[in-house]
Amino acid sequence: MSKYLVITDSTADFTPEQIEQLGIKVIPMEFLMDDKTYLNYPDGREMTNEQFYAAMRNGSMPTTTQITSARFVEIFEPHLKEETDLLYICFSSALSATYERSVTAVEELREKYPQRQIYTVDSRSPSMGEGLLVIHALEMLKNGASVKEAAQWAEENRKYVRLWFTVNDLNHLKRGGRISAAAALFGGMLGIKPVLQVNENGELIPTEKIRVIQDYGALVDACLQQDAPVYIMPTYTAMLNLREKISKTYGFKDFWE
């Protein structure tokens, strides 16, 4: 059986402990804040979550860049030289051009290493949705599937992933063009927040509106009505204080953390 390595990017939101446990490689995405470039390492070595959100609360606005094709070649090639097959599961192509750059790199490397299996998959999801595809593909590989088979499974099943989330601060959605200035103003005044969904095409769309703290159950209820497995991900910025309430109300035992 050939050696294999599963690679993803830092938008999958894996913790350093999860990365070590799973045995995967995570590529840090690059972002610019206050005229300085940072790499989003999962361990926060260049900027921690606390520092990032504190800067945003103080008015800083980050912008992101895509990983270049040349950078992908630099990351992938050393593993191919060690006769390791590669599966890269990537951030949604509807939200970033990173996937397109990875395709260019993979095509180049397939010509140079025709004996190796090299696949890149558009997860059509960020965060936990991307991470779930990584975990399930990895389970397939551990059970004897080839990299090609795991890639095909991820491409066939990504359409079943739905990522639902909400936020506490509407100003960031306004800055990113996701909601209007008026919606941000009145939503903030009334304490009403939008529930956003990443659809099967990887696009970010509004789904409904809730009062986040008082009506957190509406978000969970909406997810449970989808007749599909539900995973709860309490993020750094929201829902951490609601974990115990959600666990007691809905009986969730396992949280993505």
C-alpha atoms as a PDB file:
ATOM      1  CA  MET A   1       0.000   0.000   0.000  1.00  0.00           C
ATOM      2  CA  SER A   2       1.345   3.419  -0.969  1.00  0.00           C
ATOM      3  CA  LYS A   3       2.098   6.058   1.615  1.00  0.00           C
ATOM      4  CA  TYR A   4      -0.407   8.886   1.696  1.00  0.00           C
ATOM      5  CA  LEU A   5      -0.843  12.314   3.227  1.00  0.00           C
ATOM      6  CA  VAL A   6      -4.030  14.361   3.592  1.00  0.00           C
ATOM      7  CA  ILE A   7      -3.528  18.113   3.365  1.00  0.00           C
ATOM      8  CA  THR A   8      -5.966  20.917   4.015  1.00  0.00           C
ATOM      9  CA  ASP A   9      -5.741  24.622   4.803  1.00  0.00           C
ATOM     10  CA  SER A  10      -6.167  26.576   7.998  1.00  0.00           C
ATOM     11  CA  THR A  11      -9.730  27.582   7.096  1.00  0.00           C
ATOM     12  CA  ALA A  12     -10.772  24.067   8.201  1.00  0.00           C
ATOM     13  CA  ASP A  13     -10.245  25.306  11.786  1.00  0.00           C
ATOM     14  CA  PHE A  14      -8.374  22.288  13.098  1.00  0.00           C
ATOM     15  CA  THR A  15      -6.597  22.807  16.404  1.00  0.00           C
ATOM     16  CA  PRO A  16      -2.920  21.828  16.779  1.00  0.00           C
ATOM     17  CA  GLU A  17      -4.054  18.865  18.908  1.00  0.00           C
ATOM     18  CA  GLN A  18      -6.434  17.646  16.200  1.00  0.00           C
ATOM     19  CA  ILE A  19      -3.789  18.032  13.509  1.00  0.00           C
ATOM     20  CA  GLU A  20      -1.355  15.896  15.468  1.00  0.00           C
ATOM     21  CA  GLN A  21      -3.994  13.292  16.293  1.00  0.00           C
ATOM     22  CA  LEU A  22      -5.187  12.992  12.690  1.00  0.00           C
ATOM     23  CA  GLY A  23      -1.701  13.062  11.180  1.00  0.00           C
ATOM     24  CA  ILE A  24      -2.583  15.646   8.542  1.00  0.00           C
ATOM     25  CA  LYS A  25      -0.769  18.675   7.142  1.00  0.00           C
ATOM     26  CA  VAL A  26      -2.387  22.121   7.329  1.00  0.00           C
ATOM     27  CA  ILE A  27      -1.344  24.966   5.048  1.00  0.00           C
ATOM     28  CA  PRO A  28      -1.635  28.383   6.760  1.00  0.00           C
ATOM     29  CA  MET A  29      -3.636  30.911   4.762  1.00  0.00           C
ATOM     30  CA  GLU A  30      -2.211  34.394   4.400  1.00  0.00           C
ATOM     31  CA  PHE A  31      -3.927  37.585   5.510  1.00  0.00           C
ATOM     32  CA  LEU A  32      -3.073  41.263   5.679  1.00  0.00           C
ATOM     33  CA  MET A  33      -3.882  43.465   8.665  1.00  0.00           C
ATOM     34  CA  ASP A  34      -2.657  47.000   9.307  1.00  0.00           C
ATOM     35  CA  ASP A  35      -0.256  46.782   6.355  1.00  0.00           C
ATOM     36  CA  LYS A  36       1.427  43.677   7.753  1.00  0.00           C
ATOM     37  CA  THR A  37       1.197  40.160   6.343  1.00  0.00           C
ATOM     38  CA  TYR A  38       0.523  37.197   8.608  1.00  0.00           C
ATOM     39  CA  LEU A  39       0.210  33.448   8.138  1.00  0.00           C
ATOM     40  CA  ASN A  40      -2.801  31.905   9.872  1.00  0.00           C
ATOM     41  CA  TYR A  41      -1.017  29.056  11.633  1.00  0.00           C
ATOM     42  CA  PRO A  42      -3.374  26.894  13.738  1.00  0.00           C
ATOM     43  CA  ASP A  43      -1.145  27.408  16.778  1.00  0.00           C
ATOM     44  CA  GLY A  44      -1.377  31.197  16.439  1.00  0.00           C
ATOM     45  CA  ARG A  45       2.393  31.643  16.272  1.00  0.00           C
ATOM     46  CA  GLU A  46       2.106  34.838  14.210  1.00  0.00           C
ATOM     47  CA  MET A  47      -1.204  36.115  15.593  1.00  0.00           C
ATOM     48  CA  THR A  48      -3.467  34.466  18.137  1.00  0.00           C
ATOM     49  CA  ASN A  49      -7.259  34.418  17.960  1.00  0.00           C
ATOM     50  CA  GLU A  50      -7.363  36.814  20.898  1.00  0.00           C
ATOM     51  CA  GLN A  51      -5.092  39.279  19.131  1.00  0.00           C
ATOM     52  CA  PHE A  52      -6.963  38.941  15.839  1.00  0.00           C
ATOM     53  CA  TYR A  53     -10.412  39.688  17.234  1.00  0.00           C
ATOM     54  CA  ALA A  54      -9.108  42.414  19.540  1.00  0.00           C
ATOM     55  CA  ALA A  55      -7.634  44.152  16.477  1.00  0.00           C
ATOM     56  CA  MET A  56     -10.954  43.876  14.645  1.00  0.00           C
ATOM     57  CA  ARG A  57     -12.852  45.321  17.602  1.00  0.00           C
ATOM     58  CA  ASN A  58     -10.429  48.245  17.496  1.00  0.00           C
ATOM     59  CA  GLY A  59     -11.256  48.910  13.856  1.00  0.00           C
ATOM     60  CA  SER A  60      -8.674  46.880  11.926  1.00  0.00           C
ATOM     61  CA  MET A  61     -10.015  44.997   8.899  1.00  0.00           C
ATOM     62  CA  PRO A  62      -8.159  41.952   7.579  1.00  0.00           C
ATOM     63  CA  THR A  63      -7.963  41.055   3.914  1.00  0.00           C
ATOM     64  CA  THR A  64      -7.003  37.655   2.575  1.00  0.00           C
ATOM     65  CA  THR A  65      -4.881  36.399  -0.291  1.00  0.00           C
ATOM     66  CA  GLN A  66      -4.827  33.063  -2.084  1.00  0.00           C
ATOM     67  CA  ILE A  67      -2.044  30.516  -1.921  1.00  0.00           C
ATOM     68  CA  THR A  68      -0.165  30.729  -5.226  1.00  0.00           C
ATOM     69  CA  SER A  69       0.390  27.782  -7.556  1.00  0.00           C
ATOM     70  CA  ALA A  70       4.138  28.095  -7.002  1.00  0.00           C
ATOM     71  CA  ARG A  71       3.624  27.875  -3.250  1.00  0.00           C
ATOM     72  CA  PHE A  72       1.511  24.734  -3.680  1.00  0.00           C
ATOM     73  CA  VAL A  73       4.311  23.142  -5.681  1.00  0.00           C
ATOM     74  CA  GLU A  74       6.781  24.006  -2.902  1.00  0.00           C
ATOM     75  CA  ILE A  75       4.502  22.378  -0.323  1.00  0.00           C
ATOM     76  CA  PHE A  76       3.503  19.281  -2.308  1.00  0.00           C
ATOM     77  CA  GLU A  77       6.726  18.315  -4.073  1.00  0.00           C
ATOM     78  CA  PRO A  78       8.867  17.230  -1.083  1.00  0.00           C
ATOM     79  CA  HIS A  79       6.215  14.618  -0.193  1.00  0.00           C
ATOM     80  CA  LEU A  80       6.024  13.373  -3.786  1.00  0.00           C
ATOM     81  CA  LYS A  81       9.799  12.952  -3.808  1.00  0.00           C
ATOM     82  CA  GLU A  82       9.313  10.674  -0.790  1.00  0.00           C
ATOM     83  CA  GLU A  83       6.856   8.573  -2.845  1.00  0.00           C
ATOM     84  CA  THR A  84       3.822   9.764  -0.892  1.00  0.00           C
ATOM     85  CA  ASP A  85       0.414  10.104  -2.551  1.00  0.00           C
ATOM     86  CA  LEU A  86      -1.395  13.366  -1.777  1.00  0.00           C
ATOM     87  CA  LEU A  87      -4.992  14.395  -1.201  1.00  0.00           C
ATOM     88  CA  TYR A  88      -5.586  18.121  -0.731  1.00  0.00           C
ATOM     89  CA  ILE A  89      -9.066  19.146   0.455  1.00  0.00           C
ATOM     90  CA  CYS A  90      -9.437  22.859  -0.132  1.00  0.00           C
ATOM     91  CA  PHE A  91     -11.436  25.874   1.010  1.00  0.00           C
ATOM     92  CA  SER A  92     -14.616  26.583  -1.009  1.00  0.00           C
ATOM     93  CA  SER A  93     -13.932  27.826  -4.539  1.00  0.00           C
ATOM     94  CA  ALA A  94     -17.004  30.076  -4.231  1.00  0.00           C
ATOM     95  CA  LEU A  95     -15.236  32.019  -1.477  1.00  0.00           C
ATOM     96  CA  SER A  96     -11.636  31.936  -2.685  1.00  0.00           C
ATOM     97  CA  ALA A  97      -9.520  31.288  -5.787  1.00  0.00           C
ATOM     98  CA  THR A  98      -7.212  29.006  -3.808  1.00  0.00           C
ATOM     99  CA  TYR A  99      -8.680  25.828  -5.333  1.00  0.00           C
ATOM    100  CA  GLU A 100      -7.967  27.029  -8.879  1.00  0.00           C
ATOM    101  CA  ARG A 101      -4.335  27.671  -7.950  1.00  0.00           C
ATOM    102  CA  SER A 102      -4.047  24.178  -6.456  1.00  0.00           C
ATOM    103  CA  VAL A 103      -5.404  22.609  -9.677  1.00  0.00           C
ATOM    104  CA  THR A 104      -2.674  24.329 -11.695  1.00  0.00           C
ATOM    105  CA  ALA A 105      -0.025  23.026  -9.305  1.00  0.00           C
ATOM    106  CA  VAL A 106      -1.418  19.475  -9.318  1.00  0.00           C
ATOM    107  CA  GLU A 107      -1.493  19.360 -13.124  1.00  0.00           C
ATOM    108  CA  GLU A 108       2.147  20.419 -13.220  1.00  0.00           C
ATOM    109  CA  LEU A 109       3.187  17.869 -10.600  1.00  0.00           C
ATOM    110  CA  ARG A 110       1.289  14.995 -12.234  1.00  0.00           C
ATOM    111  CA  GLU A 111       3.442  15.432 -15.314  1.00  0.00           C
ATOM    112  CA  LYS A 112       6.583  15.381 -13.214  1.00  0.00           C
ATOM    113  CA  TYR A 113       5.487  12.502 -10.946  1.00  0.00           C
ATOM    114  CA  PRO A 114       3.207  10.295 -13.095  1.00  0.00           C
ATOM    115  CA  GLN A 115       3.588   7.348 -10.727  1.00  0.00           C
ATOM    116  CA  ARG A 116       2.013   9.228  -7.824  1.00  0.00           C
ATOM    117  CA  GLN A 117      -1.653   9.838  -7.055  1.00  0.00           C
ATOM    118  CA  ILE A 118      -2.193  13.577  -6.539  1.00  0.00           C
ATOM    119  CA  TYR A 119      -5.700  14.966  -6.116  1.00  0.00           C
ATOM    120  CA  THR A 120      -7.157  18.286  -5.069  1.00  0.00           C
ATOM    121  CA  VAL A 121     -10.807  18.533  -3.993  1.00  0.00           C
ATOM    122  CA  ASP A 122     -12.925  21.666  -3.738  1.00  0.00           C
ATOM    123  CA  SER A 123     -14.718  21.139  -0.411  1.00  0.00           C
ATOM    124  CA  ARG A 124     -17.274  23.843  -1.286  1.00  0.00           C
ATOM    125  CA  SER A 125     -17.249  24.659   2.400  1.00  0.00           C
ATOM    126  CA  PRO A 126     -15.218  26.515   5.018  1.00  0.00           C
ATOM    127  CA  SER A 127     -14.508  25.648   8.627  1.00  0.00           C
ATOM    128  CA  MET A 128     -16.193  22.570  10.028  1.00  0.00           C
ATOM    129  CA  GLY A 129     -17.697  21.549   6.674  1.00  0.00           C
ATOM    130  CA  GLU A 130     -14.256  21.371   5.099  1.00  0.00           C
ATOM    131  CA  GLY A 131     -12.909  19.636   8.189  1.00  0.00           C
ATOM    132  CA  LEU A 132     -15.591  16.935   8.140  1.00  0.00           C
ATOM    133  CA  LEU A 133     -14.655  15.963   4.587  1.00  0.00           C
ATOM    134  CA  VAL A 134     -11.031  15.717   5.689  1.00  0.00           C
ATOM    135  CA  ILE A 135     -11.913  13.436   8.607  1.00  0.00           C
ATOM    136  CA  HIS A 136     -14.121  11.110   6.578  1.00  0.00           C
ATOM    137  CA  ALA A 137     -11.654  10.909   3.688  1.00  0.00           C
ATOM    138  CA  LEU A 138      -8.912  10.096   6.166  1.00  0.00           C
ATOM    139  CA  GLU A 139     -11.014   7.286   7.639  1.00  0.00           C
ATOM    140  CA  MET A 140     -11.418   5.822   4.152  1.00  0.00           C
ATOM    141  CA  LEU A 141      -7.665   5.903   3.564  1.00  0.00           C
ATOM    142  CA  LYS A 142      -6.964   4.220   6.892  1.00  0.00           C
ATOM    143  CA  ASN A 143      -9.404   1.488   5.897  1.00  0.00           C
ATOM    144  CA  GLY A 144      -7.543   0.762   2.684  1.00  0.00           C
ATOM    145  CA  ALA A 145      -9.035   3.127   0.097  1.00  0.00           C
ATOM    146  CA  SER A 146      -6.742   4.763  -2.432  1.00  0.00           C
ATOM    147  CA  VAL A 147      -6.227   8.512  -2.601  1.00  0.00           C
ATOM    148  CA  LYS A 148      -8.237   8.527  -5.831  1.00  0.00           C
ATOM    149  CA  GLU A 149     -11.156   6.740  -4.144  1.00  0.00           C
ATOM    150  CA  ALA A 150     -11.092   9.096  -1.164  1.00  0.00           C
ATOM    151  CA  ALA A 151     -11.020  12.110  -3.488  1.00  0.00           C
ATOM    152  CA  GLN A 152     -13.967  10.771  -5.479  1.00  0.00           C
ATOM    153  CA  TRP A 153     -15.922  10.151  -2.272  1.00  0.00           C
ATOM    154  CA  ALA A 154     -15.281  13.717  -1.084  1.00  0.00           C
ATOM    155  CA  GLU A 155     -16.399  15.170  -4.416  1.00  0.00           C
ATOM    156  CA  GLU A 156     -19.563  13.044  -4.453  1.00  0.00           C
ATOM    157  CA  ASN A 157     -20.532  13.749  -0.829  1.00  0.00           C
ATOM    158  CA  ARG A 158     -19.597  17.424  -0.405  1.00  0.00           C
ATOM    159  CA  LYS A 159     -23.079  18.371  -1.640  1.00  0.00           C
ATOM    160  CA  TYR A 160     -24.551  16.914   1.541  1.00  0.00           C
ATOM    161  CA  VAL A 161     -22.584  19.247   3.812  1.00  0.00           C
ATOM    162  CA  ARG A 162     -24.461  22.297   5.092  1.00  0.00           C
ATOM    163  CA  LEU A 163     -22.718  24.762   7.356  1.00  0.00           C
ATOM    164  CA  TRP A 164     -25.057  26.966   9.431  1.00  0.00           C
ATOM    165  CA  PHE A 165     -23.744  29.705  11.695  1.00  0.00           C
ATOM    166  CA  THR A 166     -24.462  33.096  13.168  1.00  0.00           C
ATOM    167  CA  VAL A 167     -22.415  36.004  14.470  1.00  0.00           C
ATOM    168  CA  ASN A 168     -22.613  38.506  17.305  1.00  0.00           C
ATOM    169  CA  ASP A 169     -21.205  41.526  15.470  1.00  0.00           C
ATOM    170  CA  LEU A 170     -23.011  42.519  12.273  1.00  0.00           C
ATOM    171  CA  ASN A 171     -20.482  45.198  11.367  1.00  0.00           C
ATOM    172  CA  HIS A 172     -18.050  42.631  10.012  1.00  0.00           C
ATOM    173  CA  LEU A 173     -20.757  41.246   7.706  1.00  0.00           C
ATOM    174  CA  LYS A 174     -21.500  44.789   6.586  1.00  0.00           C
ATOM    175  CA  ARG A 175     -17.835  45.449   5.826  1.00  0.00           C
ATOM    176  CA  GLY A 176     -17.631  42.240   3.819  1.00  0.00           C
ATOM    177  CA  GLY A 177     -20.721  43.145   1.802  1.00  0.00           C
ATOM    178  CA  ARG A 178     -22.813  40.270   3.187  1.00  0.00           C
ATOM    179  CA  ILE A 179     -25.551  42.555   4.568  1.00  0.00           C
ATOM    180  CA  SER A 180     -26.551  46.181   4.025  1.00  0.00           C
ATOM    181  CA  ALA A 181     -25.601  49.035   6.337  1.00  0.00           C
ATOM    182  CA  ALA A 182     -29.277  49.455   7.262  1.00  0.00           C
ATOM    183  CA  ALA A 183     -29.626  45.765   8.138  1.00  0.00           C
ATOM    184  CA  ALA A 184     -26.525  45.969  10.337  1.00  0.00           C
ATOM    185  CA  LEU A 185     -27.822  49.083  12.101  1.00  0.00           C
ATOM    186  CA  PHE A 186     -31.334  47.863  12.855  1.00  0.00           C
ATOM    187  CA  GLY A 187     -30.228  44.310  13.532  1.00  0.00           C
ATOM    188  CA  GLY A 188     -27.787  45.592  16.110  1.00  0.00           C
ATOM    189  CA  MET A 189     -30.376  47.833  17.735  1.00  0.00           C
ATOM    190  CA  LEU A 190     -32.953  45.044  17.971  1.00  0.00           C
ATOM    191  CA  GLY A 191     -30.512  42.271  18.831  1.00  0.00           C
ATOM    192  CA  ILE A 192     -31.518  40.305  15.733  1.00  0.00           C
ATOM    193  CA  LYS A 193     -28.796  38.419  13.909  1.00  0.00           C
ATOM    194  CA  PRO A 194     -28.894  36.588  10.575  1.00  0.00           C
ATOM    195  CA  VAL A 195     -28.383  32.850  10.348  1.00  0.00           C
ATOM    196  CA  LEU A 196     -26.071  32.207   7.409  1.00  0.00           C
ATOM    197  CA  GLN A 197     -25.662  29.002   5.475  1.00  0.00           C
ATOM    198  CA  VAL A 198     -23.029  27.682   3.100  1.00  0.00           C
ATOM    199  CA  ASN A 199     -25.045  25.956   0.374  1.00  0.00           C
ATOM    200  CA  GLU A 200     -24.132  22.988  -1.822  1.00  0.00           C
ATOM    201  CA  ASN A 201     -22.250  25.268  -4.213  1.00  0.00           C
ATOM    202  CA  GLY A 202     -20.088  26.638  -1.408  1.00  0.00           C
ATOM    203  CA  GLU A 203     -21.806  30.025  -1.456  1.00  0.00           C
ATOM    204  CA  LEU A 204     -22.628  32.034   1.655  1.00  0.00           C
ATOM    205  CA  ILE A 205     -26.363  32.828   1.830  1.00  0.00           C
ATOM    206  CA  PRO A 206     -28.748  34.162   4.518  1.00  0.00           C
ATOM    207  CA  THR A 207     -31.235  31.631   5.858  1.00  0.00           C
ATOM    208  CA  GLU A 208     -33.262  33.246   8.654  1.00  0.00           C
ATOM    209  CA  LYS A 209     -32.954  35.636  11.603  1.00  0.00           C
ATOM    210  CA  ILE A 210     -32.773  34.959  15.333  1.00  0.00           C
ATOM    211  CA  ARG A 211     -32.015  36.715  18.591  1.00  0.00           C
ATOM    212  CA  VAL A 212     -28.686  35.026  19.143  1.00  0.00           C
ATOM    213  CA  ILE A 213     -28.406  34.835  22.912  1.00  0.00           C
ATOM    214  CA  GLN A 214     -32.095  34.630  23.824  1.00  0.00           C
ATOM    215  CA  ASP A 215     -33.079  32.358  20.954  1.00  0.00           C
ATOM    216  CA  TYR A 216     -30.028  30.179  20.320  1.00  0.00           C
ATOM    217  CA  GLY A 217     -32.356  27.186  20.131  1.00  0.00           C
ATOM    218  CA  ALA A 218     -33.851  28.467  16.871  1.00  0.00           C
ATOM    219  CA  LEU A 219     -30.525  27.911  15.145  1.00  0.00           C
ATOM    220  CA  VAL A 220     -30.166  24.373  16.471  1.00  0.00           C
ATOM    221  CA  ASP A 221     -33.836  23.626  15.697  1.00  0.00           C
ATOM    222  CA  ALA A 222     -33.385  24.795  12.117  1.00  0.00           C
ATOM    223  CA  CYS A 223     -30.402  22.477  11.703  1.00  0.00           C
ATOM    224  CA  LEU A 224     -32.212  19.505  13.235  1.00  0.00           C
ATOM    225  CA  GLN A 225     -35.076  19.925  10.776  1.00  0.00           C
ATOM    226  CA  GLN A 226     -32.683  19.150   7.912  1.00  0.00           C
ATOM    227  CA  ASP A 227     -32.922  15.381   8.577  1.00  0.00           C
ATOM    228  CA  ALA A 228     -29.160  14.928   8.633  1.00  0.00           C
ATOM    229  CA  PRO A 229     -26.373  14.405  11.192  1.00  0.00           C
ATOM    230  CA  VAL A 230     -25.701  17.602  13.149  1.00  0.00           C
ATOM    231  CA  TYR A 231     -22.330  18.664  14.529  1.00  0.00           C
ATOM    232  CA  ILE A 232     -22.022  21.571  16.953  1.00  0.00           C
ATOM    233  CA  MET A 233     -18.931  23.775  16.713  1.00  0.00           C
ATOM    234  CA  PRO A 234     -18.646  26.386  19.485  1.00  0.00           C
ATOM    235  CA  THR A 235     -16.193  28.871  18.015  1.00  0.00           C
ATOM    236  CA  TYR A 236     -13.911  31.325  19.737  1.00  0.00           C
ATOM    237  CA  THR A 237     -16.214  34.217  18.899  1.00  0.00           C
ATOM    238  CA  ALA A 238     -19.652  32.803  19.643  1.00  0.00           C
ATOM    239  CA  MET A 239     -21.610  30.149  21.518  1.00  0.00           C
ATOM    240  CA  LEU A 240     -18.893  29.167  23.975  1.00  0.00           C
ATOM    241  CA  ASN A 241     -21.113  30.218  26.849  1.00  0.00           C
ATOM    242  CA  LEU A 242     -24.018  28.287  25.340  1.00  0.00           C
ATOM    243  CA  ARG A 243     -22.337  24.897  25.219  1.00  0.00           C
ATOM    244  CA  GLU A 244     -23.775  23.663  28.514  1.00  0.00           C
ATOM    245  CA  LYS A 245     -27.272  24.890  27.635  1.00  0.00           C
ATOM    246  CA  ILE A 246     -27.189  23.215  24.223  1.00  0.00           C
ATOM    247  CA  SER A 247     -25.872  19.990  25.722  1.00  0.00           C
ATOM    248  CA  LYS A 248     -28.640  19.853  28.335  1.00  0.00           C
ATOM    249  CA  THR A 249     -31.449  20.863  25.990  1.00  0.00           C
ATOM    250  CA  TYR A 250     -30.581  18.693  23.003  1.00  0.00           C
ATOM    251  CA  GLY A 251     -28.480  15.938  24.520  1.00  0.00           C
ATOM    252  CA  PHE A 252     -25.365  16.612  22.455  1.00  0.00           C
ATOM    253  CA  LYS A 253     -22.369  14.832  23.920  1.00  0.00           C
ATOM    254  CA  ASP A 254     -19.683  15.476  21.335  1.00  0.00           C
ATOM    255  CA  PHE A 255     -18.657  18.962  20.284  1.00  0.00           C
ATOM    256  CA  TRP A 256     -16.171  19.883  17.555  1.00  0.00           C
ATOM    257  CA  GLU A 257     -13.431  21.675  19.459  1.00  0.00           C
END
